[in-house]
PDB file of N, CA and C in Angstrom:
ATOM      1  N   MET A   1      23.289 -20.632 -13.255  1.00  0.00           N
ATOM      2  CA  MET A   1      22.785 -19.405 -13.823  1.00  0.00           C
ATOM      3  C   MET A   1      21.657 -18.834 -12.958  1.00  0.00           C
ATOM      4  N   GLU A   2      20.756 -19.686 -12.466  1.00  0.00           N
ATOM      5  CA  GLU A   2      19.650 -19.227 -11.645  1.00  0.00           C
ATOM      6  C   GLU A   2      20.158 -18.655 -10.324  1.00  0.00           C
ATOM      7  N   GLU A   3      21.207 -19.243  -9.765  1.00  0.00           N
ATOM      8  CA  GLU A   3      21.767 -18.765  -8.503  1.00  0.00           C
ATOM      9  C   GLU A   3      22.288 -17.337  -8.661  1.00  0.00           C
ATOM     10  N   ALA A   4      22.925 -17.033  -9.768  1.00  0.00           N
ATOM     11  CA  ALA A   4      23.439 -15.686 -10.010  1.00  0.00           C
ATOM     12  C   ALA A   4      22.295 -14.691 -10.138  1.00  0.00           C
ATOM     13  N   ASP A   5      21.198 -15.072 -10.790  1.00  0.00           N
ATOM     14  CA  ASP A   5      20.039 -14.197 -10.925  1.00  0.00           C
ATOM     15  C   ASP A   5      19.417 -13.916  -9.567  1.00  0.00           C
ATOM     16  N   LYS A   6      19.339 -14.922  -8.727  1.00  0.00           N
ATOM     17  CA  LYS A   6      18.757 -14.767  -7.398  1.00  0.00           C
ATOM     18  C   LYS A   6      19.587 -13.798  -6.556  1.00  0.00           C
ATOM     19  N   GLN A   7      20.897 -13.903  -6.641  1.00  0.00           N
ATOM     20  CA  GLN A   7      21.761 -13.030  -5.860  1.00  0.00           C
ATOM     21  C   GLN A   7      21.658 -11.588  -6.331  1.00  0.00           C
ATOM     22  N   ASN A   8      21.440 -11.367  -7.605  1.00  0.00           N
ATOM     23  CA  ASN A   8      21.341 -10.010  -8.121  1.00  0.00           C
ATOM     24  C   ASN A   8      20.059  -9.328  -7.677  1.00  0.00           C
ATOM     25  N   THR A   9      18.958 -10.070  -7.533  1.00  0.00           N
ATOM     26  CA  THR A   9      17.691  -9.471  -7.152  1.00  0.00           C
ATOM     27  C   THR A   9      17.536  -9.352  -5.646  1.00  0.00           C
ATOM     28  N   GLU A  10      18.195 -10.186  -4.880  1.00  0.00           N
ATOM     29  CA  GLU A  10      18.091 -10.144  -3.424  1.00  0.00           C
ATOM     30  C   GLU A  10      19.065  -9.108  -2.878  1.00  0.00           C
ATOM     31  N   PRO A  11      18.561  -8.152  -2.089  1.00  0.00           N
ATOM     32  CA  PRO A  11      19.469  -7.140  -1.547  1.00  0.00           C
ATOM     33  C   PRO A  11      20.471  -7.737  -0.567  1.00  0.00           C
ATOM     34  N   LYS A  12      21.600  -7.107  -0.488  1.00  0.00           N
ATOM     35  CA  LYS A  12      22.665  -7.550   0.408  1.00  0.00           C
ATOM     36  C   LYS A  12      22.226  -7.328   1.855  1.00  0.00           C
ATOM     37  N   PRO A  13      22.396  -8.329   2.728  1.00  0.00           N
ATOM     38  CA  PRO A  13      21.999  -8.147   4.126  1.00  0.00           C
ATOM     39  C   PRO A  13      22.887  -7.109   4.818  1.00  0.00           C
ATOM     40  N   PRO A  14      22.353  -6.439   5.842  1.00  0.00           N
ATOM     41  CA  PRO A  14      23.149  -5.415   6.520  1.00  0.00           C
ATOM     42  C   PRO A  14      24.252  -6.036   7.373  1.00  0.00           C
ATOM     43  N   PRO A  15      25.279  -5.265   7.698  1.00  0.00           N
ATOM     44  CA  PRO A  15      26.344  -5.788   8.559  1.00  0.00           C
ATOM     45  C   PRO A  15      25.871  -5.901   9.998  1.00  0.00           C
ATOM     46  N   ILE A  16      26.556  -6.738  10.746  1.00  0.00           N
ATOM     47  CA  ILE A  16      26.298  -6.914  12.172  1.00  0.00           C
ATOM     48  C   ILE A  16      27.564  -6.477  12.900  1.00  0.00           C
ATOM     49  N   PHE A  17      27.423  -5.522  13.814  1.00  0.00           N
ATOM     50  CA  PHE A  17      28.563  -5.012  14.559  1.00  0.00           C
ATOM     51  C   PHE A  17      28.543  -5.606  15.957  1.00  0.00           C
ATOM     52  N   VAL A  18      29.541  -6.425  16.263  1.00  0.00           N
ATOM     53  CA  VAL A  18      29.664  -7.058  17.570  1.00  0.00           C
ATOM     54  C   VAL A  18      30.660  -6.234  18.379  1.00  0.00           C
ATOM     55  N   THR A  19      30.236  -5.782  19.557  1.00  0.00           N
ATOM     56  CA  THR A  19      31.094  -4.936  20.384  1.00  0.00           C
ATOM     57  C   THR A  19      31.600  -5.712  21.601  1.00  0.00           C
ATOM     58  N   GLY A  20      32.687  -5.219  22.159  1.00  0.00           N
ATOM     59  CA  GLY A  20      33.252  -5.832  23.353  1.00  0.00           C
ATOM     60  C   GLY A  20      33.970  -7.136  23.094  1.00  0.00           C
ATOM     61  N   VAL A  21      34.517  -7.311  21.897  1.00  0.00           N
ATOM     62  CA  VAL A  21      35.219  -8.552  21.555  1.00  0.00           C
ATOM     63  C   VAL A  21      36.683  -8.408  21.957  1.00  0.00           C
ATOM     64  N   THR A  22      37.099  -9.206  22.941  1.00  0.00           N
ATOM     65  CA  THR A  22      38.507  -9.204  23.358  1.00  0.00           C
ATOM     66  C   THR A  22      39.237 -10.435  22.831  1.00  0.00           C
ATOM     67  N   ASN A  23      38.468 -11.494  22.533  1.00  0.00           N
ATOM     68  CA  ASN A  23      39.030 -12.724  21.990  1.00  0.00           C
ATOM     69  C   ASN A  23      38.159 -13.143  20.807  1.00  0.00           C
ATOM     70  N   MET A  24      38.739 -13.198  19.639  1.00  0.00           N
ATOM     71  CA  MET A  24      37.989 -13.503  18.415  1.00  0.00           C
ATOM     72  C   MET A  24      37.593 -14.979  18.312  1.00  0.00           C
ATOM     73  N   GLN A  25      38.317 -15.862  18.955  1.00  0.00           N
ATOM     74  CA  GLN A  25      38.116 -17.303  18.769  1.00  0.00           C
ATOM     75  C   GLN A  25      36.689 -17.774  19.064  1.00  0.00           C
ATOM     76  N   PRO A  26      36.050 -17.393  20.191  1.00  0.00           N
ATOM     77  CA  PRO A  26      34.677 -17.857  20.425  1.00  0.00           C
ATOM     78  C   PRO A  26      33.694 -17.353  19.379  1.00  0.00           C
ATOM     79  N   LEU A  27      33.881 -16.114  18.925  1.00  0.00           N
ATOM     80  CA  LEU A  27      33.002 -15.565  17.885  1.00  0.00           C
ATOM     81  C   LEU A  27      33.171 -16.315  16.573  1.00  0.00           C
ATOM     82  N   ILE A  28      34.402 -16.585  16.181  1.00  0.00           N
ATOM     83  CA  ILE A  28      34.666 -17.315  14.937  1.00  0.00           C
ATOM     84  C   ILE A  28      34.091 -18.723  15.015  1.00  0.00           C
ATOM     85  N   GLU A  29      34.222 -19.377  16.173  1.00  0.00           N
ATOM     86  CA  GLU A  29      33.649 -20.718  16.329  1.00  0.00           C
ATOM     87  C   GLU A  29      32.130 -20.693  16.200  1.00  0.00           C
ATOM     88  N   LEU A  30      31.500 -19.689  16.815  1.00  0.00           N
ATOM     89  CA  LEU A  30      30.048 -19.538  16.707  1.00  0.00           C
ATOM     90  C   LEU A  30      29.625 -19.332  15.255  1.00  0.00           C
ATOM     91  N   LEU A  31      30.337 -18.459  14.554  1.00  0.00           N
ATOM     92  CA  LEU A  31      30.007 -18.190  13.148  1.00  0.00           C
ATOM     93  C   LEU A  31      30.228 -19.419  12.277  1.00  0.00           C
ATOM     94  N   ASN A  32      31.302 -20.148  12.513  1.00  0.00           N
ATOM     95  CA  ASN A  32      31.573 -21.346  11.717  1.00  0.00           C
ATOM     96  C   ASN A  32      30.548 -22.444  11.967  1.00  0.00           C
ATOM     97  N   ASN A  33      30.067 -22.547  13.220  1.00  0.00           N
ATOM     98  CA  ASN A  33      29.053 -23.554  13.521  1.00  0.00           C
ATOM     99  C   ASN A  33      27.711 -23.231  12.868  1.00  0.00           C
ATOM    100  N   ARG A  34      27.394 -21.956  12.743  1.00  0.00           N
ATOM    101  CA  ARG A  34      26.079 -21.551  12.227  1.00  0.00           C
ATOM    102  C   ARG A  34      26.094 -21.171  10.742  1.00  0.00           C
ATOM    103  N   ALA A  35      27.225 -20.672  10.243  1.00  0.00           N
ATOM    104  CA  ALA A  35      27.246 -20.130   8.882  1.00  0.00           C
ATOM    105  C   ALA A  35      28.605 -20.323   8.231  1.00  0.00           C
ATOM    106  N   LYS A  36      29.034 -21.534   8.112  1.00  0.00           N
ATOM    107  CA  LYS A  36      30.359 -21.838   7.560  1.00  0.00           C
ATOM    108  C   LYS A  36      30.538 -21.224   6.168  1.00  0.00           C
ATOM    109  N   ASP A  37      31.571 -20.401   6.015  1.00  0.00           N
ATOM    110  CA  ASP A  37      31.965 -19.790   4.733  1.00  0.00           C
ATOM    111  C   ASP A  37      30.872 -18.925   4.098  1.00  0.00           C
ATOM    112  N   LYS A  38      29.963 -18.395   4.901  1.00  0.00           N
ATOM    113  CA  LYS A  38      28.894 -17.548   4.349  1.00  0.00           C
ATOM    114  C   LYS A  38      28.890 -16.183   5.021  1.00  0.00           C
ATOM    115  N   TYR A  39      30.078 -15.714   5.403  1.00  0.00           N
ATOM    116  CA  TYR A  39      30.198 -14.408   6.045  1.00  0.00           C
ATOM    117  C   TYR A  39      31.618 -13.887   5.860  1.00  0.00           C
ATOM    118  N   LEU A  40      31.768 -12.585   6.053  1.00  0.00           N
ATOM    119  CA  LEU A  40      33.080 -11.939   6.055  1.00  0.00           C
ATOM    120  C   LEU A  40      33.234 -11.224   7.390  1.00  0.00           C
ATOM    121  N   VAL A  41      34.449 -11.165   7.919  1.00  0.00           N
ATOM    122  CA  VAL A  41      34.702 -10.521   9.205  1.00  0.00           C
ATOM    123  C   VAL A  41      35.772  -9.456   9.011  1.00  0.00           C
ATOM    124  N   LYS A  42      35.506  -8.277   9.595  1.00  0.00           N
ATOM    125  CA  LYS A  42      36.494  -7.193   9.622  1.00  0.00           C
ATOM    126  C   LYS A  42      36.533  -6.638  11.036  1.00  0.00           C
ATOM    127  N   THR A  43      37.678  -6.087  11.411  1.00  0.00           N
ATOM    128  CA  THR A  43      37.818  -5.470  12.730  1.00  0.00           C
ATOM    129  C   THR A  43      38.140  -3.987  12.546  1.00  0.00           C
ATOM    130  N   PRO A  44      37.119  -3.136  12.443  1.00  0.00           N
ATOM    131  CA  PRO A  44      37.362  -1.709  12.186  1.00  0.00           C
ATOM    132  C   PRO A  44      37.940  -0.953  13.376  1.00  0.00           C
ATOM    133  N   ASN A  45      37.540  -1.304  14.600  1.00  0.00           N
ATOM    134  CA  ASN A  45      37.993  -0.607  15.814  1.00  0.00           C
ATOM    135  C   ASN A  45      38.422  -1.624  16.860  1.00  0.00           C
ATOM    136  N   ASN A  46      39.027  -1.116  17.923  1.00  0.00           N
ATOM    137  CA  ASN A  46      39.353  -1.999  19.049  1.00  0.00           C
ATOM    138  C   ASN A  46      38.076  -2.559  19.646  1.00  0.00           C
ATOM    139  N   ASN A  47      38.080  -3.833  19.916  1.00  0.00           N
ATOM    140  CA  ASN A  47      36.969  -4.531  20.567  1.00  0.00           C
ATOM    141  C   ASN A  47      35.664  -4.488  19.772  1.00  0.00           C
ATOM    142  N   GLN A  48      35.732  -4.213  18.492  1.00  0.00           N
ATOM    143  CA  GLN A  48      34.537  -4.242  17.653  1.00  0.00           C
ATOM    144  C   GLN A  48      34.826  -5.077  16.412  1.00  0.00           C
ATOM    145  N   VAL A  49      33.849  -5.903  16.036  1.00  0.00           N
ATOM    146  CA  VAL A  49      33.991  -6.769  14.863  1.00  0.00           C
ATOM    147  C   VAL A  49      32.789  -6.540  13.966  1.00  0.00           C
ATOM    148  N   ARG A  50      33.048  -6.416  12.674  1.00  0.00           N
ATOM    149  CA  ARG A  50      31.979  -6.263  11.688  1.00  0.00           C
ATOM    150  C   ARG A  50      31.811  -7.596  10.977  1.00  0.00           C
ATOM    151  N   VAL A  51      30.606  -8.175  11.078  1.00  0.00           N
ATOM    152  CA  VAL A  51      30.293  -9.440  10.407  1.00  0.00           C
ATOM    153  C   VAL A  51      29.363  -9.113   9.251  1.00  0.00           C
ATOM    154  N   GLN A  52      29.768  -9.485   8.040  1.00  0.00           N
ATOM    155  CA  GLN A  52      28.946  -9.244   6.853  1.00  0.00           C
ATOM    156  C   GLN A  52      28.463 -10.582   6.302  1.00  0.00           C
ATOM    157  N   PRO A  53      27.195 -10.948   6.577  1.00  0.00           N
ATOM    158  CA  PRO A  53      26.657 -12.191   6.017  1.00  0.00           C
ATOM    159  C   PRO A  53      26.512 -12.065   4.498  1.00  0.00           C
ATOM    160  N   THR A  54      26.630 -13.187   3.807  1.00  0.00           N
ATOM    161  CA  THR A  54      26.510 -13.165   2.354  1.00  0.00           C
ATOM    162  C   THR A  54      25.084 -13.396   1.875  1.00  0.00           C
ATOM    163  N   GLU A  55      24.218 -13.911   2.750  1.00  0.00           N
ATOM    164  CA  GLU A  55      22.828 -14.193   2.385  1.00  0.00           C
ATOM    165  C   GLU A  55      21.899 -13.720   3.490  1.00  0.00           C
ATOM    166  N   SER A  56      20.669 -13.396   3.134  1.00  0.00           N
ATOM    167  CA  SER A  56      19.691 -12.937   4.119  1.00  0.00           C
ATOM    168  C   SER A  56      19.364 -14.013   5.150  1.00  0.00           C
ATOM    169  N   SER A  57      19.269 -15.255   4.720  1.00  0.00           N
ATOM    170  CA  SER A  57      18.961 -16.325   5.662  1.00  0.00           C
ATOM    171  C   SER A  57      20.093 -16.503   6.677  1.00  0.00           C
ATOM    172  N   ILE A  58      21.313 -16.305   6.239  1.00  0.00           N
ATOM    173  CA  ILE A  58      22.474 -16.401   7.132  1.00  0.00           C
ATOM    174  C   ILE A  58      22.470 -15.232   8.113  1.00  0.00           C
ATOM    175  N   TYR A  59      22.059 -14.053   7.659  1.00  0.00           N
ATOM    176  CA  TYR A  59      21.930 -12.893   8.538  1.00  0.00           C
ATOM    177  C   TYR A  59      21.017 -13.235   9.720  1.00  0.00           C
ATOM    178  N   THR A  60      19.855 -13.794   9.427  1.00  0.00           N
ATOM    179  CA  THR A  60      18.899 -14.154  10.473  1.00  0.00           C
ATOM    180  C   THR A  60      19.483 -15.199  11.418  1.00  0.00           C
ATOM    181  N   THR A  61      20.160 -16.190  10.873  1.00  0.00           N
ATOM    182  CA  THR A  61      20.773 -17.244  11.680  1.00  0.00           C
ATOM    183  C   THR A  61      21.819 -16.673  12.627  1.00  0.00           C
ATOM    184  N   ILE A  62      22.661 -15.781  12.130  1.00  0.00           N
ATOM    185  CA  ILE A  62      23.719 -15.190  12.949  1.00  0.00           C
ATOM    186  C   ILE A  62      23.119 -14.312  14.051  1.00  0.00           C
ATOM    187  N   VAL A  63      22.127 -13.506  13.709  1.00  0.00           N
ATOM    188  CA  VAL A  63      21.506 -12.640  14.713  1.00  0.00           C
ATOM    189  C   VAL A  63      20.865 -13.467  15.826  1.00  0.00           C
ATOM    190  N   LYS A  64      20.158 -14.535  15.461  1.00  0.00           N
ATOM    191  CA  LYS A  64      19.537 -15.399  16.472  1.00  0.00           C
ATOM    192  C   LYS A  64      20.594 -16.052  17.361  1.00  0.00           C
ATOM    193  N   ALA A  65      21.702 -16.477  16.777  1.00  0.00           N
ATOM    194  CA  ALA A  65      22.776 -17.109  17.564  1.00  0.00           C
ATOM    195  C   ALA A  65      23.400 -16.103  18.531  1.00  0.00           C
ATOM    196  N   LEU A  66      23.594 -14.877  18.091  1.00  0.00           N
ATOM    197  CA  LEU A  66      24.166 -13.849  18.968  1.00  0.00           C
ATOM    198  C   LEU A  66      23.209 -13.505  20.117  1.00  0.00           C
ATOM    199  N   ILE A  67      21.925 -13.467  19.832  1.00  0.00           N
ATOM    200  CA  ILE A  67      20.930 -13.212  20.876  1.00  0.00           C
ATOM    201  C   ILE A  67      20.936 -14.354  21.893  1.00  0.00           C
ATOM    202  N   ASP A  68      20.993 -15.589  21.404  1.00  0.00           N
ATOM    203  CA  ASP A  68      21.019 -16.752  22.297  1.00  0.00           C
ATOM    204  C   ASP A  68      22.225 -16.728  23.234  1.00  0.00           C
ATOM    205  N   LYS A  69      23.341 -16.201  22.760  1.00  0.00           N
ATOM    206  CA  LYS A  69      24.575 -16.148  23.565  1.00  0.00           C
ATOM    207  C   LYS A  69      24.683 -14.849  24.373  1.00  0.00           C
ATOM    208  N   ASN A  70      23.630 -14.018  24.334  1.00  0.00           N
ATOM    209  CA  ASN A  70      23.633 -12.726  25.037  1.00  0.00           C
ATOM    210  C   ASN A  70      24.821 -11.859  24.644  1.00  0.00           C
ATOM    211  N   THR A  71      25.127 -11.835  23.369  1.00  0.00           N
ATOM    212  CA  THR A  71      26.245 -11.063  22.843  1.00  0.00           C
ATOM    213  C   THR A  71      25.797  -9.640  22.557  1.00  0.00           C
ATOM    214  N   GLU A  72      26.637  -8.681  22.904  1.00  0.00           N
ATOM    215  CA  GLU A  72      26.332  -7.280  22.640  1.00  0.00           C
ATOM    216  C   GLU A  72      26.642  -6.972  21.173  1.00  0.00           C
ATOM    217  N   PHE A  73      25.619  -6.551  20.435  1.00  0.00           N
ATOM    218  CA  PHE A  73      25.801  -6.235  19.018  1.00  0.00           C
ATOM    219  C   PHE A  73      24.712  -5.267  18.584  1.00  0.00           C
ATOM    220  N   HIS A  74      24.897  -4.688  17.405  1.00  0.00           N
ATOM    221  CA  HIS A  74      23.841  -3.902  16.778  1.00  0.00           C
ATOM    222  C   HIS A  74      23.896  -4.123  15.276  1.00  0.00           C
ATOM    223  N   THR A  75      22.771  -3.855  14.627  1.00  0.00           N
ATOM    224  CA  THR A  75      22.665  -4.033  13.194  1.00  0.00           C
ATOM    225  C   THR A  75      21.587  -3.088  12.680  1.00  0.00           C
ATOM    226  N   TYR A  76      21.274  -3.180  11.417  1.00  0.00           N
ATOM    227  CA  TYR A  76      20.256  -2.357  10.798  1.00  0.00           C
ATOM    228  C   TYR A  76      19.120  -3.242  10.325  1.00  0.00           C
ATOM    229  N   LYS A  77      18.006  -2.619  10.036  1.00  0.00           N
ATOM    230  CA  LYS A  77      16.865  -3.352   9.509  1.00  0.00           C
ATOM    231  C   LYS A  77      17.206  -3.824   8.100  1.00  0.00           C
ATOM    232  N   PRO A  78      17.011  -5.111   7.819  1.00  0.00           N
ATOM    233  CA  PRO A  78      17.318  -5.602   6.467  1.00  0.00           C
ATOM    234  C   PRO A  78      16.518  -4.858   5.400  1.00  0.00           C
ATOM    235  N   ARG A  79      17.124  -4.622   4.278  1.00  0.00           N
ATOM    236  CA  ARG A  79      16.495  -3.872   3.197  1.00  0.00           C
ATOM    237  C   ARG A  79      15.220  -4.561   2.710  1.00  0.00           C
ATOM    238  N   GLN A  80      15.154  -5.870   2.779  1.00  0.00           N
ATOM    239  CA  GLN A  80      13.955  -6.596   2.352  1.00  0.00           C
ATOM    240  C   GLN A  80      12.735  -6.131   3.128  1.00  0.00           C
ATOM    241  N   SER A  81      12.908  -5.806   4.402  1.00  0.00           N
ATOM    242  CA  SER A  81      11.785  -5.352   5.216  1.00  0.00           C
ATOM    243  C   SER A  81      11.216  -4.054   4.664  1.00  0.00           C
ATOM    244  N   TYR A  82      12.082  -3.189   4.162  1.00  0.00           N
ATOM    245  CA  TYR A  82      11.612  -1.940   3.578  1.00  0.00           C
ATOM    246  C   TYR A  82      10.852  -2.198   2.282  1.00  0.00           C
ATOM    247  N   LEU A  83      11.331  -3.171   1.519  1.00  0.00           N
ATOM    248  CA  LEU A  83      10.704  -3.448   0.234  1.00  0.00           C
ATOM    249  C   LEU A  83       9.349  -4.124   0.390  1.00  0.00           C
ATOM    250  N   LYS A  84       9.162  -4.897   1.450  1.00  0.00           N
ATOM    251  CA  LYS A  84       7.899  -5.599   1.642  1.00  0.00           C
ATOM    252  C   LYS A  84       6.794  -4.665   2.089  1.00  0.00           C
ATOM    253  N   SER A  85       7.131  -3.631   2.830  1.00  0.00           N
ATOM    254  CA  SER A  85       6.096  -2.717   3.292  1.00  0.00           C
ATOM    255  C   SER A  85       5.709  -1.784   2.159  1.00  0.00           C
ATOM    256  N   SER A  86       4.457  -1.446   2.142  1.00  0.00           N
ATOM    257  CA  SER A  86       3.994  -0.537   1.104  1.00  0.00           C
ATOM    258  C   SER A  86       3.054   0.475   1.722  1.00  0.00           C
ATOM    259  N   LYS A  87       2.924   1.593   1.076  1.00  0.00           N
ATOM    260  CA  LYS A  87       2.074   2.654   1.558  1.00  0.00           C
ATOM    261  C   LYS A  87       0.940   2.830   0.559  1.00  0.00           C
ATOM    262  N   ILE A  88      -0.264   2.868   1.087  1.00  0.00           N
ATOM    263  CA  ILE A  88      -1.428   3.010   0.224  1.00  0.00           C
ATOM    264  C   ILE A  88      -2.014   4.387   0.459  1.00  0.00           C
ATOM    265  N   THR A  89      -2.242   5.106  -0.615  1.00  0.00           N
ATOM    266  CA  THR A  89      -2.886   6.415  -0.514  1.00  0.00           C
ATOM    267  C   THR A  89      -4.156   6.395  -1.343  1.00  0.00           C
ATOM    268  N   THR A  90      -5.122   7.147  -0.893  1.00  0.00           N
ATOM    269  CA  THR A  90      -6.379   7.246  -1.640  1.00  0.00           C
ATOM    270  C   THR A  90      -6.579   8.681  -2.066  1.00  0.00           C
ATOM    271  N   GLN A  91      -7.284   8.833  -3.141  1.00  0.00           N
ATOM    272  CA  GLN A  91      -7.545  10.164  -3.656  1.00  0.00           C
ATOM    273  C   GLN A  91      -9.022  10.256  -3.998  1.00  0.00           C
ATOM    274  N   SER A  92      -9.664  11.276  -3.508  1.00  0.00           N
ATOM    275  CA  SER A  92     -11.077  11.472  -3.780  1.00  0.00           C
ATOM    276  C   SER A  92     -11.239  12.515  -4.873  1.00  0.00           C
ATOM    277  N   THR A  93     -12.164  12.262  -5.775  1.00  0.00           N
ATOM    278  CA  THR A  93     -12.426  13.231  -6.834  1.00  0.00           C
ATOM    279  C   THR A  93     -13.637  14.085  -6.511  1.00  0.00           C
ATOM    280  N   SER A  94     -14.451  13.619  -5.568  1.00  0.00           N
ATOM    281  CA  SER A  94     -15.663  14.346  -5.222  1.00  0.00           C
ATOM    282  C   SER A  94     -15.943  14.147  -3.740  1.00  0.00           C
ATOM    283  N   PRO A  95     -16.526  15.150  -3.072  1.00  0.00           N
ATOM    284  CA  PRO A  95     -16.850  14.958  -1.660  1.00  0.00           C
ATOM    285  C   PRO A  95     -17.904  13.879  -1.451  1.00  0.00           C
ATOM    286  N   HIS A  96     -18.659  13.538  -2.480  1.00  0.00           N
ATOM    287  CA  HIS A  96     -19.692  12.517  -2.367  1.00  0.00           C
ATOM    288  C   HIS A  96     -19.113  11.105  -2.439  1.00  0.00           C
ATOM    289  N   ASP A  97     -17.853  10.974  -2.822  1.00  0.00           N
ATOM    290  CA  ASP A  97     -17.226   9.663  -2.906  1.00  0.00           C
ATOM    291  C   ASP A  97     -16.908   9.084  -1.532  1.00  0.00           C
ATOM    292  N   ASN A  98     -16.708   9.952  -0.548  1.00  0.00           N
ATOM    293  CA  ASN A  98     -16.321   9.488   0.787  1.00  0.00           C
ATOM    294  C   ASN A  98     -17.561   9.143   1.602  1.00  0.00           C
ATOM    295  N   PRO A  99     -17.617   7.952   2.199  1.00  0.00           N
ATOM    296  CA  PRO A  99     -18.750   7.608   3.049  1.00  0.00           C
ATOM    297  C   PRO A  99     -18.686   8.401   4.349  1.00  0.00           C
ATOM    298  N   PRO A 100     -19.811   8.580   5.034  1.00  0.00           N
ATOM    299  CA  PRO A 100     -19.783   9.318   6.306  1.00  0.00           C
ATOM    300  C   PRO A 100     -18.926   8.584   7.336  1.00  0.00           C
ATOM    301  N   THR A 101     -18.260   9.346   8.182  1.00  0.00           N
ATOM    302  CA  THR A 101     -17.348   8.751   9.142  1.00  0.00           C
ATOM    303  C   THR A 101     -18.024   8.380  10.447  1.00  0.00           C
ATOM    304  N   GLY A 102     -19.231   8.776  10.690  1.00  0.00           N
ATOM    305  CA  GLY A 102     -19.924   8.413  11.922  1.00  0.00           C
ATOM    306  C   GLY A 102     -20.595   9.608  12.543  1.00  0.00           C
ATOM    307  N   GLN A 103     -21.293   9.365  13.621  1.00  0.00           N
ATOM    308  CA  GLN A 103     -22.033  10.412  14.327  1.00  0.00           C
ATOM    309  C   GLN A 103     -21.118  11.066  15.363  1.00  0.00           C
ATOM    310  N   ALA A 104     -21.374  12.322  15.620  1.00  0.00           N
ATOM    311  CA  ALA A 104     -20.648  13.031  16.677  1.00  0.00           C
ATOM    312  C   ALA A 104     -21.153  12.540  18.022  1.00  0.00           C
ATOM    313  N   ILE A 105     -20.266  12.374  18.975  1.00  0.00           N
ATOM    314  CA  ILE A 105     -20.634  11.912  20.306  1.00  0.00           C
ATOM    315  C   ILE A 105     -20.870  13.140  21.190  1.00  0.00           C
ATOM    316  N   GLN A 106     -22.009  13.143  21.839  1.00  0.00           N
ATOM    317  CA  GLN A 106     -22.340  14.261  22.723  1.00  0.00           C
ATOM    318  C   GLN A 106     -22.011  13.874  24.152  1.00  0.00           C
ATOM    319  N   THR A 107     -21.370  14.772  24.868  1.00  0.00           N
ATOM    320  CA  THR A 107     -21.047  14.524  26.269  1.00  0.00           C
ATOM    321  C   THR A 107     -21.860  15.474  27.136  1.00  0.00           C
ATOM    322  N   LYS A 108     -22.161  15.068  28.332  1.00  0.00           N
ATOM    323  CA  LYS A 108     -22.940  15.921  29.242  1.00  0.00           C
ATOM    324  C   LYS A 108     -22.063  16.731  30.116  1.00  0.00           C
TER     325      LYS A 108
END
């Protein structure tokens, strides 16, 4: 039950697009060695493979393995990265609330 709750709250990792694939066997072996049964593979175009990891940790593992093998690929920033960053804004109600920003520098 806890595993299902965790999967619902964790965003789905982005796909990884591997380009220049003429032989699928080395890629499948790499994926099986690093992420057995934790990914889906589709071939949308010639010489391109779409790898969809099932977990965020597997996404990171696959990307690191592809980098180590100097494989040509592209992907997107994981959604978790967007959720972790936050933007802080401040609002002043009076000009006296803001402290002075410093002295003006005079040049000769």
